[in-house]
Each structure stands twice: as C-alpha cells, then as structure tokens.
Amino acid sequence: MLPTTAPAAADAHAGTNWCLFLDRDGVINTRIMGGYVRSWSEFTFVPGALDALAALATWAPRIVVVTNQQGIGKALMSLDDLVALHAQMTEAVAAAGGRIDAIEFCPHLDAAGCVCRKPRPGMATRYLDAHPEVVGAASVMVGDTDSDIEMGHRLAAITGGCHTVRIGEKVDQRADETHPDLAAFAASLEAARRR
C-alpha cells in the first residue's frame, strides 16, 4: 500500500469546496464481469462500502459518482432504469449515514467517442462547470480501472490538480495511492487524521 497523501492534499485547501469523484462499479458496488448492473436487484454494495461512504462524508465537501453506463447505449437498460437504481443507491447510502451529492454518468457507446466517457474527464468537468465554487485543482478521483486513473490525470491537466486513488490489490504506480477497497481508503484517511 502506498503512503496516504490525500489528507495532506485536502488540508492544503482547508476551508475550500473541493470534490471527491468516485467510480461506481467495482468501488461502490460489485462489478458484474462481462455484464451490466441493470436493476436494483442486481446491485450489491462492495463489503464495507456503506461504512466507507459514511466516513468519507465527514472528509469530503462534495461526493460525486462518475460512471460509464453504456448498457443504455446498447439498449440493455433504459435511462429510467438507471435513474431508479441510482435513487435507491443514494437512499441506501444516506440511510447508512453517508451521502452522494451528485451522479454524473455517460450512457454512450465506447465507439461514440463522446467527451464524457472515461477516460475522458467530461463528467467531472461538467460537474465543475456547473459548480464554479468548487476548487477543481483539489479534486480526488477514486476508481478501480486504468480509465479512472487516466481520467484523473486528464482532469489534472485541465484544472491544475487531481489526486488519484486506485482501488485494487496491486499497487498502481500511475496512481498517487492504492488501496484494496474503498473501506481501506477510508480507514487510511481516518488513521492519518488521528496522527
């Protein structure tokens, strides 16, 4: 595990509004390999994710989910299906003491080449453009795939900064830090804050 530097990054902007961007599948909920989470009945929180989100809510001024959802573009699910799923996810997170302030998603096919599909940073910049009071350079991006980390790097090139956190068992040298899951990331923050 790499040393935790995210608290220092956030502390450097104490008193400012900054944003924690979170990938969804593989970070908040269990990823369906080779498929898509199309309904609430197929949605399962990663163990420890609800408690982690509650802890992160005390650290991050803004928590925004950024998620590719090309299952819509493939007509495997509807926009209404996704909106309903996200409403139930947000309610469950709130009931456990956490919060999700916004959800940005890309419904387009990979082949469409849209600016919002990760690894492009369009979902994050769309949120930041709509909320100019948020300090984009203090952003933190947490994800479990190469495209999540690349999105963080591309966002940093635009805003002047973005701390990247890779969720996974293997250390990702391209990320600022790596943790096995969201719970471990949240625990590292709590430990750093106690030091």
N, C-alpha and C. Protein backbone atom coordinates (compact mmCIF):
# COMPACT_ATOMS: atom_id res chain seq x y z
N MET A 1 0.85 -1.19 0.00
CA MET A 1 0.00 0.00 0.00
C MET A 1 0.88 1.24 0.00
N LEU A 2 0.57 2.19 -0.83
CA LEU A 2 1.34 3.42 -0.89
C LEU A 2 0.95 4.34 0.26
N PRO A 3 1.86 5.23 0.64
CA PRO A 3 1.52 6.17 1.72
C PRO A 3 0.31 7.01 1.36
N THR A 4 -0.47 7.33 2.36
CA THR A 4 -1.66 8.16 2.14
C THR A 4 -1.25 9.62 2.09
N THR A 5 -1.57 10.27 0.98
CA THR A 5 -1.26 11.69 0.85
C THR A 5 -2.51 12.51 0.58
N ALA A 6 -3.65 11.85 0.41
CA ALA A 6 -4.88 12.58 0.12
C ALA A 6 -5.26 13.56 1.23
N PRO A 7 -5.12 13.19 2.55
CA PRO A 7 -5.47 14.16 3.58
C PRO A 7 -4.65 15.44 3.47
N ALA A 8 -3.34 15.29 3.16
CA ALA A 8 -2.50 16.48 3.01
C ALA A 8 -2.99 17.33 1.85
N ALA A 9 -3.38 16.68 0.76
CA ALA A 9 -3.89 17.42 -0.40
C ALA A 9 -5.15 18.18 -0.03
N ALA A 10 -6.02 17.55 0.73
CA ALA A 10 -7.26 18.21 1.14
C ALA A 10 -6.98 19.32 2.14
N ASP A 11 -6.07 19.06 3.08
CA ASP A 11 -5.76 20.05 4.10
C ASP A 11 -5.17 21.31 3.49
N ALA A 12 -4.48 21.17 2.36
CA ALA A 12 -3.91 22.33 1.70
C ALA A 12 -5.00 23.27 1.21
N HIS A 13 -6.21 22.76 1.10
CA HIS A 13 -7.34 23.57 0.65
C HIS A 13 -8.39 23.67 1.75
N ALA A 14 -7.95 23.65 2.99
CA ALA A 14 -8.88 23.72 4.11
C ALA A 14 -9.75 24.96 3.98
N GLY A 15 -11.02 24.75 4.20
CA GLY A 15 -11.96 25.86 4.11
C GLY A 15 -12.48 26.11 2.71
N THR A 16 -12.01 25.32 1.74
CA THR A 16 -12.49 25.48 0.37
C THR A 16 -13.40 24.31 0.00
N ASN A 17 -14.14 24.51 -1.03
CA ASN A 17 -15.00 23.46 -1.58
C ASN A 17 -14.19 22.66 -2.59
N TRP A 18 -14.03 21.39 -2.40
CA TRP A 18 -13.38 20.53 -3.37
C TRP A 18 -14.23 19.28 -3.53
N CYS A 19 -13.86 18.41 -4.45
CA CYS A 19 -14.75 17.30 -4.81
C CYS A 19 -14.03 15.96 -4.80
N LEU A 20 -14.68 14.98 -4.20
CA LEU A 20 -14.25 13.59 -4.26
C LEU A 20 -15.08 12.92 -5.35
N PHE A 21 -14.43 12.54 -6.45
CA PHE A 21 -15.09 11.82 -7.52
C PHE A 21 -14.90 10.32 -7.30
N LEU A 22 -15.99 9.58 -7.37
CA LEU A 22 -15.95 8.13 -7.15
C LEU A 22 -16.50 7.38 -8.36
N ASP A 23 -15.75 6.39 -8.82
CA ASP A 23 -16.30 5.45 -9.78
C ASP A 23 -17.38 4.63 -9.05
N ARG A 24 -18.28 4.01 -9.80
CA ARG A 24 -19.33 3.22 -9.17
C ARG A 24 -19.02 1.73 -9.16
N ASP A 25 -19.08 1.09 -10.34
CA ASP A 25 -18.90 -0.36 -10.42
C ASP A 25 -17.48 -0.76 -10.04
N GLY A 26 -17.37 -1.64 -9.04
CA GLY A 26 -16.07 -2.09 -8.58
C GLY A 26 -15.54 -1.28 -7.41
N VAL A 27 -16.18 -0.16 -7.12
CA VAL A 27 -15.77 0.69 -6.00
C VAL A 27 -16.89 0.77 -4.96
N ILE A 28 -18.08 1.17 -5.41
CA ILE A 28 -19.23 1.24 -4.52
C ILE A 28 -20.00 -0.08 -4.53
N ASN A 29 -20.22 -0.62 -5.71
CA ASN A 29 -20.94 -1.89 -5.84
C ASN A 29 -20.10 -2.91 -6.58
N THR A 30 -20.48 -4.15 -6.42
CA THR A 30 -19.77 -5.25 -7.06
C THR A 30 -19.98 -5.18 -8.57
N ARG A 31 -18.88 -5.28 -9.30
CA ARG A 31 -18.93 -5.26 -10.76
C ARG A 31 -19.43 -6.61 -11.28
N ILE A 32 -20.28 -6.59 -12.28
CA ILE A 32 -20.70 -7.81 -12.96
C ILE A 32 -19.76 -7.99 -14.15
N MET A 33 -18.85 -8.94 -14.03
CA MET A 33 -17.85 -9.11 -15.08
C MET A 33 -18.52 -9.53 -16.39
N GLY A 34 -18.22 -8.77 -17.42
CA GLY A 34 -18.78 -9.07 -18.73
C GLY A 34 -20.23 -8.67 -18.90
N GLY A 35 -20.77 -7.96 -17.91
CA GLY A 35 -22.18 -7.56 -17.97
C GLY A 35 -22.40 -6.21 -17.33
N TYR A 36 -23.65 -5.92 -17.07
CA TYR A 36 -24.03 -4.61 -16.54
C TYR A 36 -25.01 -4.78 -15.37
N VAL A 37 -24.89 -3.91 -14.38
CA VAL A 37 -25.87 -3.86 -13.31
C VAL A 37 -27.05 -3.08 -13.87
N ARG A 38 -28.13 -3.79 -14.15
CA ARG A 38 -29.25 -3.17 -14.86
C ARG A 38 -30.43 -2.80 -13.97
N SER A 39 -30.45 -3.30 -12.75
CA SER A 39 -31.56 -3.02 -11.85
C SER A 39 -31.08 -3.12 -10.41
N TRP A 40 -31.91 -2.62 -9.49
CA TRP A 40 -31.56 -2.66 -8.07
C TRP A 40 -31.38 -4.10 -7.59
N SER A 41 -32.12 -5.03 -8.16
CA SER A 41 -32.00 -6.44 -7.74
C SER A 41 -30.63 -7.02 -8.09
N GLU A 42 -29.92 -6.40 -9.03
CA GLU A 42 -28.59 -6.87 -9.42
C GLU A 42 -27.48 -6.06 -8.74
N PHE A 43 -27.86 -5.09 -7.94
CA PHE A 43 -26.91 -4.18 -7.30
C PHE A 43 -26.54 -4.72 -5.92
N THR A 44 -25.25 -4.88 -5.68
CA THR A 44 -24.75 -5.33 -4.37
C THR A 44 -23.62 -4.42 -3.94
N PHE A 45 -23.73 -3.81 -2.78
CA PHE A 45 -22.65 -2.97 -2.28
C PHE A 45 -21.41 -3.82 -2.01
N VAL A 46 -20.25 -3.30 -2.37
CA VAL A 46 -18.98 -3.93 -2.00
C VAL A 46 -18.93 -3.96 -0.47
N PRO A 47 -18.50 -5.08 0.14
CA PRO A 47 -18.41 -5.13 1.60
C PRO A 47 -17.62 -3.93 2.15
N GLY A 48 -18.21 -3.27 3.13
CA GLY A 48 -17.56 -2.13 3.77
C GLY A 48 -17.79 -0.80 3.07
N ALA A 49 -18.39 -0.81 1.88
CA ALA A 49 -18.55 0.43 1.12
C ALA A 49 -19.49 1.42 1.80
N LEU A 50 -20.58 0.93 2.38
CA LEU A 50 -21.53 1.84 3.03
C LEU A 50 -20.88 2.56 4.22
N ASP A 51 -20.15 1.83 5.04
CA ASP A 51 -19.45 2.46 6.16
C ASP A 51 -18.39 3.42 5.65
N ALA A 52 -17.71 3.03 4.57
CA ALA A 52 -16.68 3.89 3.99
C ALA A 52 -17.29 5.20 3.50
N LEU A 53 -18.44 5.11 2.84
CA LEU A 53 -19.09 6.33 2.35
C LEU A 53 -19.52 7.23 3.50
N ALA A 54 -19.94 6.64 4.61
CA ALA A 54 -20.30 7.44 5.77
C ALA A 54 -19.07 8.17 6.31
N ALA A 55 -17.93 7.48 6.35
CA ALA A 55 -16.69 8.11 6.82
C ALA A 55 -16.22 9.18 5.86
N LEU A 56 -16.30 8.90 4.57
CA LEU A 56 -15.84 9.87 3.56
C LEU A 56 -16.70 11.13 3.57
N ALA A 57 -17.96 11.00 3.97
CA ALA A 57 -18.86 12.15 4.02
C ALA A 57 -18.40 13.18 5.05
N THR A 58 -17.62 12.74 6.04
CA THR A 58 -17.11 13.68 7.05
C THR A 58 -15.82 14.35 6.58
N TRP A 59 -15.25 13.86 5.48
CA TRP A 59 -13.97 14.36 4.97
C TRP A 59 -14.15 15.23 3.74
N ALA A 60 -14.97 14.78 2.81
CA ALA A 60 -15.09 15.45 1.51
C ALA A 60 -16.28 16.41 1.49
N PRO A 61 -16.06 17.66 1.08
CA PRO A 61 -17.18 18.61 0.98
C PRO A 61 -18.20 18.20 -0.08
N ARG A 62 -17.73 17.59 -1.17
CA ARG A 62 -18.61 17.11 -2.24
C ARG A 62 -18.23 15.68 -2.60
N ILE A 63 -19.22 14.83 -2.78
CA ILE A 63 -19.00 13.46 -3.25
C ILE A 63 -19.85 13.26 -4.50
N VAL A 64 -19.18 13.00 -5.61
CA VAL A 64 -19.85 12.87 -6.89
C VAL A 64 -19.45 11.55 -7.55
N VAL A 65 -20.44 10.74 -7.89
CA VAL A 65 -20.19 9.48 -8.60
C VAL A 65 -20.06 9.80 -10.09
N VAL A 66 -19.03 9.23 -10.72
CA VAL A 66 -18.82 9.38 -12.16
C VAL A 66 -18.73 7.97 -12.75
N THR A 67 -19.68 7.62 -13.62
CA THR A 67 -19.78 6.23 -14.04
C THR A 67 -20.15 6.09 -15.52
N ASN A 68 -19.39 5.26 -16.23
CA ASN A 68 -19.73 4.89 -17.61
C ASN A 68 -20.88 3.89 -17.56
N GLN A 69 -21.92 4.11 -18.32
CA GLN A 69 -23.08 3.22 -18.34
C GLN A 69 -23.54 2.99 -19.77
N GLN A 70 -22.67 2.36 -20.57
CA GLN A 70 -23.03 2.15 -21.97
C GLN A 70 -24.06 1.05 -22.16
N GLY A 71 -24.50 0.41 -21.06
CA GLY A 71 -25.62 -0.51 -21.16
C GLY A 71 -26.86 0.18 -21.71
N ILE A 72 -26.95 1.50 -21.46
CA ILE A 72 -28.06 2.28 -22.02
C ILE A 72 -27.89 2.38 -23.54
N GLY A 73 -26.68 2.71 -23.96
CA GLY A 73 -26.41 2.81 -25.39
C GLY A 73 -26.60 1.49 -26.13
N LYS A 74 -26.42 0.38 -25.41
CA LYS A 74 -26.61 -0.94 -26.00
C LYS A 74 -28.05 -1.42 -25.88
N ALA A 75 -28.92 -0.58 -25.33
CA ALA A 75 -30.35 -0.89 -25.14
C ALA A 75 -30.56 -2.09 -24.22
N LEU A 76 -29.63 -2.29 -23.27
CA LEU A 76 -29.77 -3.36 -22.29
C LEU A 76 -30.52 -2.87 -21.05
N MET A 77 -30.64 -1.57 -20.94
CA MET A 77 -31.37 -0.94 -19.85
C MET A 77 -31.79 0.44 -20.34
N SER A 78 -32.79 1.01 -19.68
CA SER A 78 -33.26 2.33 -20.08
C SER A 78 -32.70 3.40 -19.15
N LEU A 79 -32.82 4.63 -19.57
CA LEU A 79 -32.43 5.74 -18.71
C LEU A 79 -33.24 5.73 -17.43
N ASP A 80 -34.51 5.42 -17.52
CA ASP A 80 -35.36 5.34 -16.33
C ASP A 80 -34.87 4.25 -15.38
N ASP A 81 -34.41 3.12 -15.93
CA ASP A 81 -33.87 2.04 -15.09
C ASP A 81 -32.68 2.55 -14.29
N LEU A 82 -31.79 3.28 -14.96
CA LEU A 82 -30.58 3.78 -14.30
C LEU A 82 -30.92 4.81 -13.24
N VAL A 83 -31.84 5.72 -13.57
CA VAL A 83 -32.24 6.76 -12.61
C VAL A 83 -32.86 6.12 -11.37
N ALA A 84 -33.69 5.11 -11.56
CA ALA A 84 -34.31 4.43 -10.42
C ALA A 84 -33.27 3.72 -9.57
N LEU A 85 -32.33 3.05 -10.22
CA LEU A 85 -31.26 2.35 -9.50
C LEU A 85 -30.45 3.34 -8.67
N HIS A 86 -30.08 4.46 -9.28
CA HIS A 86 -29.28 5.45 -8.57
C HIS A 86 -30.04 6.10 -7.43
N ALA A 87 -31.34 6.26 -7.57
CA ALA A 87 -32.14 6.80 -6.48
C ALA A 87 -32.12 5.85 -5.28
N GLN A 88 -32.24 4.55 -5.55
CA GLN A 88 -32.22 3.57 -4.47
C GLN A 88 -30.83 3.47 -3.85
N MET A 89 -29.79 3.56 -4.66
CA MET A 89 -28.42 3.55 -4.15
C MET A 89 -28.18 4.74 -3.23
N THR A 90 -28.60 5.91 -3.68
CA THR A 90 -28.40 7.13 -2.90
C THR A 90 -29.16 7.07 -1.57
N GLU A 91 -30.38 6.53 -1.61
CA GLU A 91 -31.17 6.39 -0.39
C GLU A 91 -30.50 5.42 0.59
N ALA A 92 -29.97 4.32 0.08
CA ALA A 92 -29.30 3.35 0.95
C ALA A 92 -28.05 3.94 1.57
N VAL A 93 -27.31 4.73 0.79
CA VAL A 93 -26.11 5.38 1.32
C VAL A 93 -26.49 6.37 2.42
N ALA A 94 -27.54 7.16 2.19
CA ALA A 94 -27.99 8.13 3.19
C ALA A 94 -28.48 7.45 4.45
N ALA A 95 -29.18 6.32 4.29
CA ALA A 95 -29.68 5.58 5.46
C ALA A 95 -28.55 5.03 6.31
N ALA A 96 -27.38 4.81 5.69
CA ALA A 96 -26.22 4.29 6.41
C ALA A 96 -25.33 5.41 6.94
N GLY A 97 -25.77 6.67 6.78
CA GLY A 97 -25.03 7.79 7.33
C GLY A 97 -24.09 8.48 6.36
N GLY A 98 -24.11 8.07 5.09
CA GLY A 98 -23.26 8.70 4.09
C GLY A 98 -24.06 9.63 3.20
N ARG A 99 -23.45 10.06 2.12
CA ARG A 99 -24.18 10.90 1.18
C ARG A 99 -23.51 10.83 -0.18
N ILE A 100 -24.32 11.03 -1.21
CA ILE A 100 -23.83 11.22 -2.56
C ILE A 100 -24.48 12.51 -3.04
N ASP A 101 -23.66 13.49 -3.35
CA ASP A 101 -24.18 14.81 -3.70
C ASP A 101 -24.67 14.89 -5.14
N ALA A 102 -24.08 14.09 -6.02
CA ALA A 102 -24.49 14.10 -7.42
C ALA A 102 -23.98 12.83 -8.10
N ILE A 103 -24.63 12.48 -9.19
CA ILE A 103 -24.19 11.35 -10.01
C ILE A 103 -24.11 11.83 -11.45
N GLU A 104 -22.93 11.72 -12.02
CA GLU A 104 -22.72 12.02 -13.43
C GLU A 104 -22.49 10.69 -14.15
N PHE A 105 -23.18 10.47 -15.25
CA PHE A 105 -22.99 9.21 -15.96
C PHE A 105 -22.91 9.45 -17.46
N CYS A 106 -22.24 8.52 -18.13
CA CYS A 106 -22.15 8.56 -19.58
C CYS A 106 -22.90 7.36 -20.13
N PRO A 107 -23.98 7.57 -20.88
CA PRO A 107 -24.77 6.47 -21.42
C PRO A 107 -24.31 6.02 -22.81
N HIS A 108 -23.28 6.66 -23.33
CA HIS A 108 -22.92 6.45 -24.74
C HIS A 108 -22.04 5.24 -24.96
N LEU A 109 -22.10 4.70 -26.16
CA LEU A 109 -21.24 3.60 -26.55
C LEU A 109 -19.79 4.08 -26.62
N ASP A 110 -18.89 3.17 -26.34
CA ASP A 110 -17.46 3.49 -26.42
C ASP A 110 -17.11 4.04 -27.81
N ALA A 111 -17.70 3.46 -28.83
CA ALA A 111 -17.40 3.85 -30.21
C ALA A 111 -17.85 5.27 -30.54
N ALA A 112 -18.73 5.83 -29.72
CA ALA A 112 -19.23 7.18 -30.00
C ALA A 112 -18.17 8.25 -29.78
N GLY A 113 -17.18 7.93 -28.96
CA GLY A 113 -16.09 8.87 -28.72
C GLY A 113 -16.52 10.15 -28.03
N CYS A 114 -17.54 10.07 -27.19
CA CYS A 114 -18.06 11.27 -26.53
C CYS A 114 -17.07 11.79 -25.48
N VAL A 115 -17.19 13.07 -25.16
CA VAL A 115 -16.25 13.68 -24.22
C VAL A 115 -16.52 13.30 -22.77
N CYS A 116 -17.68 12.70 -22.51
CA CYS A 116 -17.99 12.37 -21.11
C CYS A 116 -17.60 10.95 -20.72
N ARG A 117 -17.28 10.10 -21.71
CA ARG A 117 -16.94 8.72 -21.36
C ARG A 117 -15.50 8.63 -20.87
N LYS A 118 -15.33 8.05 -19.67
CA LYS A 118 -13.98 7.83 -19.17
C LYS A 118 -13.21 6.95 -20.15
N PRO A 119 -11.93 7.25 -20.39
CA PRO A 119 -11.04 8.08 -19.56
C PRO A 119 -11.10 9.58 -19.81
N ARG A 120 -11.94 10.04 -20.71
CA ARG A 120 -12.08 11.48 -20.87
C ARG A 120 -12.70 12.08 -19.61
N PRO A 121 -12.37 13.29 -19.27
CA PRO A 121 -12.81 13.87 -18.00
C PRO A 121 -14.13 14.63 -18.06
N GLY A 122 -14.91 14.42 -19.11
CA GLY A 122 -16.11 15.22 -19.32
C GLY A 122 -17.12 15.20 -18.20
N MET A 123 -17.29 14.06 -17.53
CA MET A 123 -18.27 14.02 -16.44
C MET A 123 -17.83 14.92 -15.29
N ALA A 124 -16.54 14.89 -14.98
CA ALA A 124 -16.03 15.73 -13.89
C ALA A 124 -16.07 17.20 -14.28
N THR A 125 -15.64 17.52 -15.50
CA THR A 125 -15.65 18.93 -15.89
C THR A 125 -17.06 19.47 -16.01
N ARG A 126 -18.01 18.61 -16.40
CA ARG A 126 -19.41 19.04 -16.46
C ARG A 126 -19.90 19.44 -15.07
N TYR A 127 -19.55 18.64 -14.06
CA TYR A 127 -19.95 18.96 -12.70
C TYR A 127 -19.25 20.25 -12.23
N LEU A 128 -17.96 20.34 -12.48
CA LEU A 128 -17.20 21.51 -12.03
C LEU A 128 -17.67 22.78 -12.73
N ASP A 129 -18.00 22.67 -14.01
CA ASP A 129 -18.50 23.85 -14.73
C ASP A 129 -19.83 24.33 -14.15
N ALA A 130 -20.65 23.39 -13.71
CA ALA A 130 -21.95 23.74 -13.13
C ALA A 130 -21.83 24.24 -11.70
N HIS A 131 -20.66 24.01 -11.08
CA HIS A 131 -20.43 24.41 -9.69
C HIS A 131 -19.10 25.15 -9.60
N PRO A 132 -19.04 26.39 -10.08
CA PRO A 132 -17.78 27.12 -10.11
C PRO A 132 -17.19 27.40 -8.74
N GLU A 133 -17.99 27.22 -7.69
CA GLU A 133 -17.47 27.42 -6.35
C GLU A 133 -16.57 26.28 -5.89
N VAL A 134 -16.58 25.16 -6.61
CA VAL A 134 -15.76 24.00 -6.26
C VAL A 134 -14.36 24.18 -6.83
N VAL A 135 -13.35 23.90 -6.01
CA VAL A 135 -11.95 24.04 -6.42
C VAL A 135 -11.54 22.77 -7.15
N GLY A 136 -11.54 22.84 -8.47
CA GLY A 136 -11.24 21.67 -9.28
C GLY A 136 -9.86 21.11 -9.07
N ALA A 137 -8.88 21.98 -8.79
CA ALA A 137 -7.49 21.54 -8.63
C ALA A 137 -7.29 20.71 -7.37
N ALA A 138 -8.26 20.74 -6.45
CA ALA A 138 -8.16 19.95 -5.23
C ALA A 138 -8.94 18.64 -5.32
N SER A 139 -9.35 18.28 -6.52
CA SER A 139 -10.16 17.08 -6.71
C SER A 139 -9.40 15.81 -6.32
N VAL A 140 -10.17 14.80 -5.93
CA VAL A 140 -9.64 13.46 -5.70
C VAL A 140 -10.49 12.50 -6.53
N MET A 141 -9.83 11.63 -7.29
CA MET A 141 -10.53 10.65 -8.13
C MET A 141 -10.20 9.25 -7.64
N VAL A 142 -11.25 8.48 -7.31
CA VAL A 142 -11.09 7.12 -6.81
C VAL A 142 -11.74 6.15 -7.80
N GLY A 143 -10.97 5.18 -8.28
CA GLY A 143 -11.53 4.21 -9.21
C GLY A 143 -10.72 2.93 -9.27
N ASP A 144 -11.30 1.92 -9.89
CA ASP A 144 -10.65 0.60 -9.91
C ASP A 144 -10.12 0.20 -11.28
N THR A 145 -10.16 1.10 -12.26
CA THR A 145 -9.70 0.75 -13.60
C THR A 145 -8.67 1.77 -14.10
N ASP A 146 -7.97 1.35 -15.14
CA ASP A 146 -6.99 2.26 -15.76
C ASP A 146 -7.67 3.54 -16.24
N SER A 147 -8.90 3.41 -16.77
CA SER A 147 -9.58 4.59 -17.31
C SER A 147 -9.92 5.59 -16.21
N ASP A 148 -10.17 5.11 -14.99
CA ASP A 148 -10.44 6.02 -13.88
C ASP A 148 -9.21 6.85 -13.55
N ILE A 149 -8.05 6.19 -13.49
CA ILE A 149 -6.82 6.90 -13.17
C ILE A 149 -6.45 7.86 -14.30
N GLU A 150 -6.63 7.41 -15.53
CA GLU A 150 -6.35 8.27 -16.67
C GLU A 150 -7.28 9.48 -16.67
N MET A 151 -8.54 9.28 -16.30
CA MET A 151 -9.46 10.41 -16.19
C MET A 151 -8.94 11.42 -15.18
N GLY A 152 -8.45 10.93 -14.04
CA GLY A 152 -7.88 11.82 -13.03
C GLY A 152 -6.72 12.63 -13.58
N HIS A 153 -5.86 11.97 -14.34
CA HIS A 153 -4.71 12.67 -14.93
C HIS A 153 -5.16 13.73 -15.93
N ARG A 154 -6.15 13.38 -16.75
CA ARG A 154 -6.65 14.34 -17.74
C ARG A 154 -7.36 15.51 -17.06
N LEU A 155 -8.06 15.22 -15.97
CA LEU A 155 -8.70 16.29 -15.21
C LEU A 155 -7.65 17.22 -14.62
N ALA A 156 -6.57 16.64 -14.12
CA ALA A 156 -5.48 17.45 -13.54
C ALA A 156 -4.88 18.38 -14.58
N ALA A 157 -4.78 17.90 -15.82
CA ALA A 157 -4.21 18.73 -16.89
C ALA A 157 -5.08 19.96 -17.17
N ILE A 158 -6.38 19.83 -16.87
CA ILE A 158 -7.31 20.94 -17.11
C ILE A 158 -7.42 21.87 -15.91
N THR A 159 -7.50 21.27 -14.72
CA THR A 159 -7.77 22.06 -13.51
C THR A 159 -6.51 22.48 -12.76
N GLY A 160 -5.40 21.79 -13.03
CA GLY A 160 -4.18 22.08 -12.30
C GLY A 160 -3.89 21.10 -11.19
N GLY A 161 -4.77 20.12 -11.01
CA GLY A 161 -4.52 19.11 -9.99
C GLY A 161 -5.65 18.13 -9.86
N CYS A 162 -5.33 16.89 -9.50
CA CYS A 162 -6.30 15.86 -9.15
C CYS A 162 -5.52 14.71 -8.54
N HIS A 163 -5.82 14.38 -7.31
CA HIS A 163 -5.18 13.28 -6.59
C HIS A 163 -5.88 11.98 -7.00
N THR A 164 -5.12 10.97 -7.41
CA THR A 164 -5.72 9.73 -7.90
C THR A 164 -5.51 8.58 -6.92
N VAL A 165 -6.58 7.80 -6.73
CA VAL A 165 -6.56 6.66 -5.82
C VAL A 165 -7.04 5.44 -6.57
N ARG A 166 -6.20 4.42 -6.65
CA ARG A 166 -6.55 3.17 -7.35
C ARG A 166 -7.07 2.17 -6.33
N ILE A 167 -8.23 1.61 -6.61
CA ILE A 167 -8.79 0.54 -5.80
C ILE A 167 -8.41 -0.78 -6.47
N GLY A 168 -7.69 -1.62 -5.75
CA GLY A 168 -7.25 -2.90 -6.29
C GLY A 168 -6.18 -3.52 -5.42
N GLU A 169 -5.89 -4.77 -5.67
CA GLU A 169 -4.92 -5.50 -4.85
C GLU A 169 -3.48 -5.19 -5.24
N LYS A 170 -3.26 -4.76 -6.47
CA LYS A 170 -1.90 -4.47 -6.93
C LYS A 170 -1.67 -2.97 -6.96
N VAL A 171 -0.50 -2.56 -6.48
CA VAL A 171 -0.15 -1.14 -6.48
C VAL A 171 -0.06 -0.63 -7.91
N ASP A 172 -0.70 0.47 -8.17
CA ASP A 172 -0.68 1.11 -9.48
C ASP A 172 0.26 2.31 -9.38
N GLN A 173 1.41 2.20 -10.02
CA GLN A 173 2.41 3.26 -9.93
C GLN A 173 1.94 4.56 -10.57
N ARG A 174 0.93 4.49 -11.42
CA ARG A 174 0.42 5.70 -12.06
C ARG A 174 -0.50 6.48 -11.14
N ALA A 175 -1.00 5.83 -10.10
CA ALA A 175 -1.89 6.49 -9.15
C ALA A 175 -1.08 7.04 -7.98
N ASP A 176 -1.64 8.03 -7.32
CA ASP A 176 -0.96 8.60 -6.15
C ASP A 176 -0.97 7.65 -4.97
N GLU A 177 -1.97 6.82 -4.89
CA GLU A 177 -2.03 5.78 -3.86
C GLU A 177 -2.93 4.66 -4.30
N THR A 178 -2.75 3.50 -3.67
CA THR A 178 -3.53 2.31 -3.98
C THR A 178 -4.05 1.69 -2.69
N HIS A 179 -5.31 1.25 -2.70
CA HIS A 179 -5.91 0.56 -1.56
C HIS A 179 -6.75 -0.59 -2.10
N PRO A 180 -6.88 -1.67 -1.34
CA PRO A 180 -7.64 -2.82 -1.85
C PRO A 180 -9.12 -2.54 -2.06
N ASP A 181 -9.70 -1.64 -1.30
CA ASP A 181 -11.11 -1.31 -1.47
C ASP A 181 -11.40 0.06 -0.86
N LEU A 182 -12.62 0.50 -1.02
CA LEU A 182 -13.00 1.83 -0.53
C LEU A 182 -12.90 1.90 0.99
N ALA A 183 -13.21 0.79 1.66
CA ALA A 183 -13.13 0.76 3.12
C ALA A 183 -11.70 0.99 3.59
N ALA A 184 -10.74 0.39 2.90
CA ALA A 184 -9.34 0.57 3.27
C ALA A 184 -8.89 2.01 3.03
N PHE A 185 -9.36 2.61 1.95
CA PHE A 185 -9.05 4.01 1.69
C PHE A 185 -9.59 4.89 2.80
N ALA A 186 -10.86 4.68 3.16
CA ALA A 186 -11.47 5.47 4.23
C ALA A 186 -10.73 5.27 5.55
N ALA A 187 -10.33 4.03 5.84
CA ALA A 187 -9.60 3.74 7.08
C ALA A 187 -8.25 4.45 7.09
N SER A 188 -7.59 4.51 5.94
CA SER A 188 -6.30 5.20 5.87
C SER A 188 -6.45 6.70 6.16
N LEU A 189 -7.54 7.26 5.71
CA LEU A 189 -7.81 8.67 5.97
C LEU A 189 -8.05 8.91 7.46
N GLU A 190 -8.83 8.00 8.06
CA GLU A 190 -9.10 8.13 9.49
C GLU A 190 -7.80 8.03 10.30
N ALA A 191 -6.93 7.09 9.91
CA ALA A 191 -5.66 6.93 10.61
C ALA A 191 -4.79 8.17 10.45
N ALA A 192 -4.78 8.74 9.25
CA ALA A 192 -3.97 9.94 9.01
C ALA A 192 -4.49 11.13 9.81
N ARG A 193 -5.80 11.20 9.93
CA ARG A 193 -6.38 12.33 10.67
C ARG A 193 -6.11 12.22 12.16
N ARG A 194 -5.88 11.01 12.65
CA ARG A 194 -5.60 10.83 14.07
C ARG A 194 -4.15 11.08 14.43
N ARG A 195 -3.29 11.08 13.38
CA ARG A 195 -1.86 11.26 13.65
C ARG A 195 -1.55 12.71 14.04
